[in-house]
Amino acid sequence: MTKFLLKVLSEIAKRQPVRATELAKAVLPDSHMHGRSYNTGNGACKGKGAWLWIGSYVGKLRQKELVHGSWVEGYQLTDKGKAELAKKAK
């Protein structure tokens, strides 16, 4: 497990349920993606790149069954995700 994955899982555990925008601000606080404007067909939005990127990353974690949820309801750790986090915390 990478340091970044551990950071993402621990932030999700602290803030359950957490939306992609909140998670992006927590795990990528100094990212240039927060200050850039994007216009990807759904209107211009500042900081959109950060939460799109973290949402994509969380999608990969959903495939591994470490988290569940959606961008609407927020993301939460699954039992498997909690077990991984506990294993690395030791």
PDB file of N, CA and C in Angstrom:
ATOM      1  N   MET A   1       0.854  -1.175   0.000  1.00  0.00           N
ATOM      2  CA  MET A   1       0.000   0.000   0.000  1.00  0.00           C
ATOM      3  C   MET A   1       0.899   1.236   0.000  1.00  0.00           C
ATOM      4  N   THR A   2       0.602   2.166  -0.879  1.00  0.00           N
ATOM      5  CA  THR A   2       1.395   3.384  -0.984  1.00  0.00           C
ATOM      6  C   THR A   2       1.014   4.376   0.119  1.00  0.00           C
ATOM      7  N   LYS A   3       1.877   5.356   0.343  1.00  0.00           N
ATOM      8  CA  LYS A   3       1.592   6.392   1.335  1.00  0.00           C
ATOM      9  C   LYS A   3       0.360   7.193   0.933  1.00  0.00           C
ATOM     10  N   PHE A   4       0.227   7.442  -0.366  1.00  0.00           N
ATOM     11  CA  PHE A   4      -0.921   8.212  -0.837  1.00  0.00           C
ATOM     12  C   PHE A   4      -2.224   7.446  -0.609  1.00  0.00           C
ATOM     13  N   LEU A   5      -2.220   6.159  -0.901  1.00  0.00           N
ATOM     14  CA  LEU A   5      -3.420   5.345  -0.678  1.00  0.00           C
ATOM     15  C   LEU A   5      -3.771   5.336   0.796  1.00  0.00           C
ATOM     16  N   LEU A   6      -2.791   5.206   1.652  1.00  0.00           N
ATOM     17  CA  LEU A   6      -3.022   5.226   3.093  1.00  0.00           C
ATOM     18  C   LEU A   6      -3.618   6.571   3.523  1.00  0.00           C
ATOM     19  N   LYS A   7      -3.113   7.658   2.939  1.00  0.00           N
ATOM     20  CA  LYS A   7      -3.637   8.988   3.251  1.00  0.00           C
ATOM     21  C   LYS A   7      -5.094   9.128   2.809  1.00  0.00           C
ATOM     22  N   VAL A   8      -5.402   8.635   1.612  1.00  0.00           N
ATOM     23  CA  VAL A   8      -6.775   8.714   1.097  1.00  0.00           C
ATOM     24  C   VAL A   8      -7.723   7.900   1.977  1.00  0.00           C
ATOM     25  N   LEU A   9      -7.332   6.675   2.308  1.00  0.00           N
ATOM     26  CA  LEU A   9      -8.193   5.826   3.144  1.00  0.00           C
ATOM     27  C   LEU A   9      -8.395   6.432   4.528  1.00  0.00           C
ATOM     28  N   SER A  10      -7.347   7.002   5.115  1.00  0.00           N
ATOM     29  CA  SER A  10      -7.501   7.586   6.447  1.00  0.00           C
ATOM     30  C   SER A  10      -8.376   8.842   6.410  1.00  0.00           C
ATOM     31  N   GLU A  11      -8.284   9.634   5.344  1.00  0.00           N
ATOM     32  CA  GLU A  11      -9.156  10.813   5.217  1.00  0.00           C
ATOM     33  C   GLU A  11     -10.612  10.403   5.035  1.00  0.00           C
ATOM     34  N   ILE A  12     -10.842   9.354   4.264  1.00  0.00           N
ATOM     35  CA  ILE A  12     -12.219   8.866   4.097  1.00  0.00           C
ATOM     36  C   ILE A  12     -12.746   8.371   5.437  1.00  0.00           C
ATOM     37  N   ALA A  13     -11.904   7.671   6.197  1.00  0.00           N
ATOM     38  CA  ALA A  13     -12.322   7.143   7.502  1.00  0.00           C
ATOM     39  C   ALA A  13     -12.678   8.274   8.469  1.00  0.00           C
ATOM     40  N   LYS A  14     -11.935   9.378   8.427  1.00  0.00           N
ATOM     41  CA  LYS A  14     -12.184  10.515   9.323  1.00  0.00           C
ATOM     42  C   LYS A  14     -13.489  11.227   9.005  1.00  0.00           C
ATOM     43  N   ARG A  15     -13.849  11.299   7.722  1.00  0.00           N
ATOM     44  CA  ARG A  15     -14.936  12.175   7.285  1.00  0.00           C
ATOM     45  C   ARG A  15     -16.136  11.443   6.701  1.00  0.00           C
ATOM     46  N   GLN A  16     -16.311  10.177   6.967  1.00  0.00           N
ATOM     47  CA  GLN A  16     -17.355   9.394   6.299  1.00  0.00           C
ATOM     48  C   GLN A  16     -18.735   9.986   6.522  1.00  0.00           C
ATOM     49  N   PRO A  17     -19.568  10.101   5.528  1.00  0.00           N
ATOM     50  CA  PRO A  17     -19.257  10.008   4.102  1.00  0.00           C
ATOM     51  C   PRO A  17     -18.590  11.292   3.618  1.00  0.00           C
ATOM     52  N   VAL A  18     -17.699  11.165   2.667  1.00  0.00           N
ATOM     53  CA  VAL A  18     -16.956  12.312   2.156  1.00  0.00           C
ATOM     54  C   VAL A  18     -17.155  12.414   0.653  1.00  0.00           C
ATOM     55  N   ARG A  19     -17.358  13.624   0.183  1.00  0.00           N
ATOM     56  CA  ARG A  19     -17.498  13.858  -1.258  1.00  0.00           C
ATOM     57  C   ARG A  19     -16.143  14.122  -1.882  1.00  0.00           C
ATOM     58  N   ALA A  20     -16.078  13.999  -3.180  1.00  0.00           N
ATOM     59  CA  ALA A  20     -14.808  14.141  -3.893  1.00  0.00           C
ATOM     60  C   ALA A  20     -14.184  15.522  -3.696  1.00  0.00           C
ATOM     61  N   THR A  21     -14.992  16.577  -3.645  1.00  0.00           N
ATOM     62  CA  THR A  21     -14.436  17.918  -3.471  1.00  0.00           C
ATOM     63  C   THR A  21     -13.744  18.054  -2.120  1.00  0.00           C
ATOM     64  N   GLU A  22     -14.377  17.557  -1.063  1.00  0.00           N
ATOM     65  CA  GLU A  22     -13.800  17.619   0.282  1.00  0.00           C
ATOM     66  C   GLU A  22     -12.540  16.763   0.367  1.00  0.00           C
ATOM     67  N   LEU A  23     -12.592  15.590  -0.246  1.00  0.00           N
ATOM     68  CA  LEU A  23     -11.458  14.679  -0.221  1.00  0.00           C
ATOM     69  C   LEU A  23     -10.273  15.264  -0.981  1.00  0.00           C
ATOM     70  N   ALA A  24     -10.532  15.906  -2.103  1.00  0.00           N
ATOM     71  CA  ALA A  24      -9.456  16.520  -2.891  1.00  0.00           C
ATOM     72  C   ALA A  24      -8.768  17.621  -2.098  1.00  0.00           C
ATOM     73  N   LYS A  25      -9.531  18.426  -1.385  1.00  0.00           N
ATOM     74  CA  LYS A  25      -8.942  19.492  -0.574  1.00  0.00           C
ATOM     75  C   LYS A  25      -8.115  18.928   0.573  1.00  0.00           C
ATOM     76  N   ALA A  26      -8.521  17.780   1.107  1.00  0.00           N
ATOM     77  CA  ALA A  26      -7.815  17.177   2.244  1.00  0.00           C
ATOM     78  C   ALA A  26      -6.522  16.481   1.821  1.00  0.00           C
ATOM     79  N   VAL A  27      -6.539  15.760   0.712  1.00  0.00           N
ATOM     80  CA  VAL A  27      -5.355  14.971   0.336  1.00  0.00           C
ATOM     81  C   VAL A  27      -4.463  15.664  -0.682  1.00  0.00           C
ATOM     82  N   LEU A  28      -4.968  16.673  -1.351  1.00  0.00           N
ATOM     83  CA  LEU A  28      -4.175  17.434  -2.324  1.00  0.00           C
ATOM     84  C   LEU A  28      -4.223  18.925  -1.990  1.00  0.00           C
ATOM     85  N   PRO A  29      -3.841  19.320  -0.772  1.00  0.00           N
ATOM     86  CA  PRO A  29      -4.038  20.712  -0.371  1.00  0.00           C
ATOM     87  C   PRO A  29      -3.234  21.734  -1.171  1.00  0.00           C
ATOM     88  N   ASP A  30      -2.068  21.361  -1.649  1.00  0.00           N
ATOM     89  CA  ASP A  30      -1.205  22.309  -2.359  1.00  0.00           C
ATOM     90  C   ASP A  30      -1.222  22.135  -3.871  1.00  0.00           C
ATOM     91  N   SER A  31      -2.156  21.377  -4.373  1.00  0.00           N
ATOM     92  CA  SER A  31      -2.197  21.080  -5.802  1.00  0.00           C
ATOM     93  C   SER A  31      -2.583  22.305  -6.628  1.00  0.00           C
ATOM     94  N   HIS A  32      -1.915  22.465  -7.753  1.00  0.00           N
ATOM     95  CA  HIS A  32      -2.260  23.561  -8.674  1.00  0.00           C
ATOM     96  C   HIS A  32      -3.637  23.359  -9.291  1.00  0.00           C
ATOM     97  N   MET A  33      -4.174  22.152  -9.216  1.00  0.00           N
ATOM     98  CA  MET A  33      -5.480  21.872  -9.818  1.00  0.00           C
ATOM     99  C   MET A  33      -6.610  22.621  -9.123  1.00  0.00           C
ATOM    100  N   HIS A  34      -6.404  23.051  -7.868  1.00  0.00           N
ATOM    101  CA  HIS A  34      -7.448  23.785  -7.144  1.00  0.00           C
ATOM    102  C   HIS A  34      -7.642  25.206  -7.670  1.00  0.00           C
ATOM    103  N   GLY A  35      -6.614  25.764  -8.282  1.00  0.00           N
ATOM    104  CA  GLY A  35      -6.695  27.137  -8.730  1.00  0.00           C
ATOM    105  C   GLY A  35      -6.976  27.313 -10.211  1.00  0.00           C
ATOM    106  N   ARG A  36      -6.945  26.236 -10.958  1.00  0.00           N
ATOM    107  CA  ARG A  36      -7.165  26.343 -12.399  1.00  0.00           C
ATOM    108  C   ARG A  36      -8.642  26.281 -12.734  1.00  0.00           C
ATOM    109  N   SER A  37      -9.019  26.949 -13.796  1.00  0.00           N
ATOM    110  CA  SER A  37     -10.400  26.905 -14.278  1.00  0.00           C
ATOM    111  C   SER A  37     -10.505  25.888 -15.399  1.00  0.00           C
ATOM    112  N   TYR A  38     -11.599  25.149 -15.403  1.00  0.00           N
ATOM    113  CA  TYR A  38     -11.830  24.121 -16.405  1.00  0.00           C
ATOM    114  C   TYR A  38     -13.200  24.338 -17.032  1.00  0.00           C
ATOM    115  N   ASN A  39     -13.312  24.069 -18.305  1.00  0.00           N
ATOM    116  CA  ASN A  39     -14.591  24.106 -18.981  1.00  0.00           C
ATOM    117  C   ASN A  39     -14.678  22.823 -19.795  1.00  0.00           C
ATOM    118  N   THR A  40     -15.303  21.817 -19.225  1.00  0.00           N
ATOM    119  CA  THR A  40     -15.343  20.497 -19.862  1.00  0.00           C
ATOM    120  C   THR A  40     -16.736  20.143 -20.372  1.00  0.00           C
ATOM    121  N   GLY A  41     -17.497  21.137 -20.735  1.00  0.00           N
ATOM    122  CA  GLY A  41     -18.814  20.853 -21.296  1.00  0.00           C
ATOM    123  C   GLY A  41     -19.951  21.010 -20.307  1.00  0.00           C
ATOM    124  N   ASN A  42     -19.642  21.039 -19.014  1.00  0.00           N
ATOM    125  CA  ASN A  42     -20.681  21.215 -18.004  1.00  0.00           C
ATOM    126  C   ASN A  42     -20.572  22.572 -17.342  1.00  0.00           C
ATOM    127  N   GLY A  43     -19.964  23.503 -18.023  1.00  0.00           N
ATOM    128  CA  GLY A  43     -19.784  24.845 -17.490  1.00  0.00           C
ATOM    129  C   GLY A  43     -18.414  25.007 -16.862  1.00  0.00           C
ATOM    130  N   ALA A  44     -17.937  26.228 -16.857  1.00  0.00           N
ATOM    131  CA  ALA A  44     -16.624  26.509 -16.276  1.00  0.00           C
ATOM    132  C   ALA A  44     -16.688  26.393 -14.760  1.00  0.00           C
ATOM    133  N   CYS A  45     -15.633  25.861 -14.202  1.00  0.00           N
ATOM    134  CA  CYS A  45     -15.593  25.660 -12.761  1.00  0.00           C
ATOM    135  C   CYS A  45     -14.151  25.735 -12.288  1.00  0.00           C
ATOM    136  N   LYS A  46     -13.907  26.456 -11.224  1.00  0.00           N
ATOM    137  CA  LYS A  46     -12.563  26.566 -10.686  1.00  0.00           C
ATOM    138  C   LYS A  46     -12.300  25.393  -9.747  1.00  0.00           C
ATOM    139  N   GLY A  47     -11.165  24.745  -9.914  1.00  0.00           N
ATOM    140  CA  GLY A  47     -10.782  23.637  -9.048  1.00  0.00           C
ATOM    141  C   GLY A  47     -11.336  22.290  -9.458  1.00  0.00           C
ATOM    142  N   LYS A  48     -11.990  22.241 -10.578  1.00  0.00           N
ATOM    143  CA  LYS A  48     -12.654  21.021 -11.023  1.00  0.00           C
ATOM    144  C   LYS A  48     -11.674  19.866 -11.259  1.00  0.00           C
ATOM    145  N   GLY A  49     -10.473  20.176 -11.707  1.00  0.00           N
ATOM    146  CA  GLY A  49      -9.502  19.125 -12.013  1.00  0.00           C
ATOM    147  C   GLY A  49      -9.150  18.291 -10.805  1.00  0.00           C
ATOM    148  N   ALA A  50      -9.053  18.919  -9.635  1.00  0.00           N
ATOM    149  CA  ALA A  50      -8.680  18.199  -8.420  1.00  0.00           C
ATOM    150  C   ALA A  50      -9.743  17.175  -8.044  1.00  0.00           C
ATOM    151  N   TRP A  51     -11.002  17.599  -8.060  1.00  0.00           N
ATOM    152  CA  TRP A  51     -12.013  16.636  -7.632  1.00  0.00           C
ATOM    153  C   TRP A  51     -12.345  15.619  -8.714  1.00  0.00           C
ATOM    154  N   LEU A  52     -12.131  15.962  -9.965  1.00  0.00           N
ATOM    155  CA  LEU A  52     -12.284  14.946 -11.013  1.00  0.00           C
ATOM    156  C   LEU A  52     -11.199  13.883 -10.881  1.00  0.00           C
ATOM    157  N   TRP A  53      -9.978  14.324 -10.599  1.00  0.00           N
ATOM    158  CA  TRP A  53      -8.864  13.389 -10.456  1.00  0.00           C
ATOM    159  C   TRP A  53      -9.065  12.485  -9.249  1.00  0.00           C
ATOM    160  N   ILE A  54      -9.425  13.052  -8.095  1.00  0.00           N
ATOM    161  CA  ILE A  54      -9.598  12.232  -6.894  1.00  0.00           C
ATOM    162  C   ILE A  54     -10.815  11.328  -7.047  1.00  0.00           C
ATOM    163  N   GLY A  55     -11.841  11.781  -7.751  1.00  0.00           N
ATOM    164  CA  GLY A  55     -13.004  10.928  -8.009  1.00  0.00           C
ATOM    165  C   GLY A  55     -12.632   9.726  -8.858  1.00  0.00           C
ATOM    166  N   SER A  56     -11.763   9.928  -9.816  1.00  0.00           N
ATOM    167  CA  SER A  56     -11.271   8.826 -10.639  1.00  0.00           C
ATOM    168  C   SER A  56     -10.460   7.851  -9.796  1.00  0.00           C
ATOM    169  N   TYR A  57      -9.629   8.389  -8.912  1.00  0.00           N
ATOM    170  CA  TYR A  57      -8.819   7.542  -8.028  1.00  0.00           C
ATOM    171  C   TYR A  57      -9.708   6.722  -7.099  1.00  0.00           C
ATOM    172  N   VAL A  58     -10.731   7.353  -6.544  1.00  0.00           N
ATOM    173  CA  VAL A  58     -11.652   6.647  -5.652  1.00  0.00           C
ATOM    174  C   VAL A  58     -12.424   5.573  -6.428  1.00  0.00           C
ATOM    175  N   GLY A  59     -12.688   5.822  -7.711  1.00  0.00           N
ATOM    176  CA  GLY A  59     -13.329   4.808  -8.551  1.00  0.00           C
ATOM    177  C   GLY A  59     -12.497   3.541  -8.629  1.00  0.00           C
ATOM    178  N   LYS A  60     -11.178   3.705  -8.683  1.00  0.00           N
ATOM    179  CA  LYS A  60     -10.287   2.540  -8.685  1.00  0.00           C
ATOM    180  C   LYS A  60     -10.333   1.826  -7.339  1.00  0.00           C
ATOM    181  N   LEU A  61     -10.480   2.587  -6.270  1.00  0.00           N
ATOM    182  CA  LEU A  61     -10.604   1.979  -4.944  1.00  0.00           C
ATOM    183  C   LEU A  61     -11.931   1.235  -4.804  1.00  0.00           C
ATOM    184  N   ARG A  62     -12.963   1.746  -5.478  1.00  0.00           N
ATOM    185  CA  ARG A  62     -14.256   1.039  -5.479  1.00  0.00           C
ATOM    186  C   ARG A  62     -14.129  -0.299  -6.195  1.00  0.00           C
ATOM    187  N   GLN A  63     -13.369  -0.331  -7.288  1.00  0.00           N
ATOM    188  CA  GLN A  63     -13.169  -1.587  -8.013  1.00  0.00           C
ATOM    189  C   GLN A  63     -12.443  -2.607  -7.150  1.00  0.00           C
ATOM    190  N   LYS A  64     -11.551  -2.138  -6.278  1.00  0.00           N
ATOM    191  CA  LYS A  64     -10.828  -3.027  -5.365  1.00  0.00           C
ATOM    192  C   LYS A  64     -11.640  -3.331  -4.111  1.00  0.00           C
ATOM    193  N   GLU A  65     -12.860  -2.756  -4.043  1.00  0.00           N
ATOM    194  CA  GLU A  65     -13.796  -2.947  -2.937  1.00  0.00           C
ATOM    195  C   GLU A  65     -13.260  -2.422  -1.610  1.00  0.00           C
ATOM    196  N   LEU A  66     -12.469  -1.337  -1.667  1.00  0.00           N
ATOM    197  CA  LEU A  66     -11.972  -0.703  -0.449  1.00  0.00           C
ATOM    198  C   LEU A  66     -12.913   0.400   0.023  1.00  0.00           C
ATOM    199  N   VAL A  67     -13.669   0.991  -0.902  1.00  0.00           N
ATOM    200  CA  VAL A  67     -14.656   2.020  -0.560  1.00  0.00           C
ATOM    201  C   VAL A  67     -15.952   1.733  -1.314  1.00  0.00           C
ATOM    202  N   HIS A  68     -17.025   2.340  -0.831  1.00  0.00           N
ATOM    203  CA  HIS A  68     -18.298   2.272  -1.566  1.00  0.00           C
ATOM    204  C   HIS A  68     -18.962   3.629  -1.473  1.00  0.00           C
ATOM    205  N   GLY A  69     -19.933   3.838  -2.294  1.00  0.00           N
ATOM    206  CA  GLY A  69     -20.653   5.102  -2.338  1.00  0.00           C
ATOM    207  C   GLY A  69     -20.572   5.702  -3.729  1.00  0.00           C
ATOM    208  N   SER A  70     -20.951   6.962  -3.816  1.00  0.00           N
ATOM    209  CA  SER A  70     -20.927   7.669  -5.092  1.00  0.00           C
ATOM    210  C   SER A  70     -20.637   9.138  -4.832  1.00  0.00           C
ATOM    211  N   TRP A  71     -20.477   9.879  -5.913  1.00  0.00           N
ATOM    212  CA  TRP A  71     -20.203  11.305  -5.772  1.00  0.00           C
ATOM    213  C   TRP A  71     -21.397  12.038  -5.187  1.00  0.00           C
ATOM    214  N   VAL A  72     -22.587  11.473  -5.287  1.00  0.00           N
ATOM    215  CA  VAL A  72     -23.789  12.115  -4.758  1.00  0.00           C
ATOM    216  C   VAL A  72     -23.886  11.914  -3.245  1.00  0.00           C
ATOM    217  N   GLU A  73     -23.786  10.672  -2.816  1.00  0.00           N
ATOM    218  CA  GLU A  73     -23.967  10.359  -1.388  1.00  0.00           C
ATOM    219  C   GLU A  73     -22.672  10.408  -0.586  1.00  0.00           C
ATOM    220  N   GLY A  74     -21.548  10.459  -1.259  1.00  0.00           N
ATOM    221  CA  GLY A  74     -20.253  10.464  -0.583  1.00  0.00           C
ATOM    222  C   GLY A  74     -19.680   9.062  -0.515  1.00  0.00           C
ATOM    223  N   TYR A  75     -18.410   8.987  -0.171  1.00  0.00           N
ATOM    224  CA  TYR A  75     -17.701   7.705  -0.128  1.00  0.00           C
ATOM    225  C   TYR A  75     -17.447   7.297   1.310  1.00  0.00           C
ATOM    226  N   GLN A  76     -17.506   5.990   1.539  1.00  0.00           N
ATOM    227  CA  GLN A  76     -17.249   5.411   2.854  1.00  0.00           C
ATOM    228  C   GLN A  76     -16.360   4.192   2.680  1.00  0.00           C
ATOM    229  N   LEU A  77     -15.644   3.841   3.748  1.00  0.00           N
ATOM    230  CA  LEU A  77     -14.819   2.636   3.697  1.00  0.00           C
ATOM    231  C   LEU A  77     -15.687   1.396   3.817  1.00  0.00           C
ATOM    232  N   THR A  78     -15.323   0.363   3.107  1.00  0.00           N
ATOM    233  CA  THR A  78     -15.957  -0.941   3.277  1.00  0.00           C
ATOM    234  C   THR A  78     -15.233  -1.656   4.408  1.00  0.00           C
ATOM    235  N   ASP A  79     -15.709  -2.815   4.776  1.00  0.00           N
ATOM    236  CA  ASP A  79     -15.024  -3.617   5.802  1.00  0.00           C
ATOM    237  C   ASP A  79     -13.617  -3.974   5.344  1.00  0.00           C
ATOM    238  N   LYS A  80     -13.477  -4.256   4.058  1.00  0.00           N
ATOM    239  CA  LYS A  80     -12.158  -4.569   3.503  1.00  0.00           C
ATOM    240  C   LYS A  80     -11.240  -3.351   3.589  1.00  0.00           C
ATOM    241  N   GLY A  81     -11.760  -2.174   3.324  1.00  0.00           N
ATOM    242  CA  GLY A  81     -10.989  -0.941   3.429  1.00  0.00           C
ATOM    243  C   GLY A  81     -10.572  -0.654   4.859  1.00  0.00           C
ATOM    244  N   LYS A  82     -11.490  -0.888   5.803  1.00  0.00           N
ATOM    245  CA  LYS A  82     -11.172  -0.691   7.219  1.00  0.00           C
ATOM    246  C   LYS A  82     -10.090  -1.662   7.670  1.00  0.00           C
ATOM    247  N   ALA A  83     -10.156  -2.903   7.185  1.00  0.00           N
ATOM    248  CA  ALA A  83      -9.156  -3.908   7.527  1.00  0.00           C
ATOM    249  C   ALA A  83      -7.782  -3.518   6.979  1.00  0.00           C
ATOM    250  N   GLU A  84      -7.735  -3.011   5.747  1.00  0.00           N
ATOM    251  CA  GLU A  84      -6.466  -2.572   5.153  1.00  0.00           C
ATOM    252  C   GLU A  84      -5.872  -1.410   5.940  1.00  0.00           C
ATOM    253  N   LEU A  85      -6.727  -0.480   6.327  1.00  0.00           N
ATOM    254  CA  LEU A  85      -6.266   0.680   7.079  1.00  0.00           C
ATOM    255  C   LEU A  85      -5.751   0.252   8.453  1.00  0.00           C
ATOM    256  N   ALA A  86      -6.449  -0.644   9.103  1.00  0.00           N
ATOM    257  CA  ALA A  86      -6.028  -1.132  10.426  1.00  0.00           C
ATOM    258  C   ALA A  86      -4.717  -1.912  10.334  1.00  0.00           C
ATOM    259  N   LYS A  87      -4.572  -2.669   9.252  1.00  0.00           N
ATOM    260  CA  LYS A  87      -3.348  -3.463   9.059  1.00  0.00           C
ATOM    261  C   LYS A  87      -2.140  -2.555   8.894  1.00  0.00           C
ATOM    262  N   LYS A  88      -2.296  -1.461   8.180  1.00  0.00           N
ATOM    263  CA  LYS A  88      -1.185  -0.541   7.950  1.00  0.00           C
ATOM    264  C   LYS A  88      -0.939   0.382   9.143  1.00  0.00           C
ATOM    265  N   ALA A  89      -1.942   0.586   9.991  1.00  0.00           N
ATOM    266  CA  ALA A  89      -1.789   1.448  11.147  1.00  0.00           C
ATOM    267  C   ALA A  89      -0.948   0.778  12.237  1.00  0.00           C
ATOM    268  N   LYS A  90      -0.857  -0.525  12.186  1.00  0.00           N
ATOM    269  CA  LYS A  90      -0.092  -1.266  13.216  1.00  0.00           C
ATOM    270  C   LYS A  90       1.383  -1.125  13.048  1.00  0.00           C
TER     271      LYS A  90
END
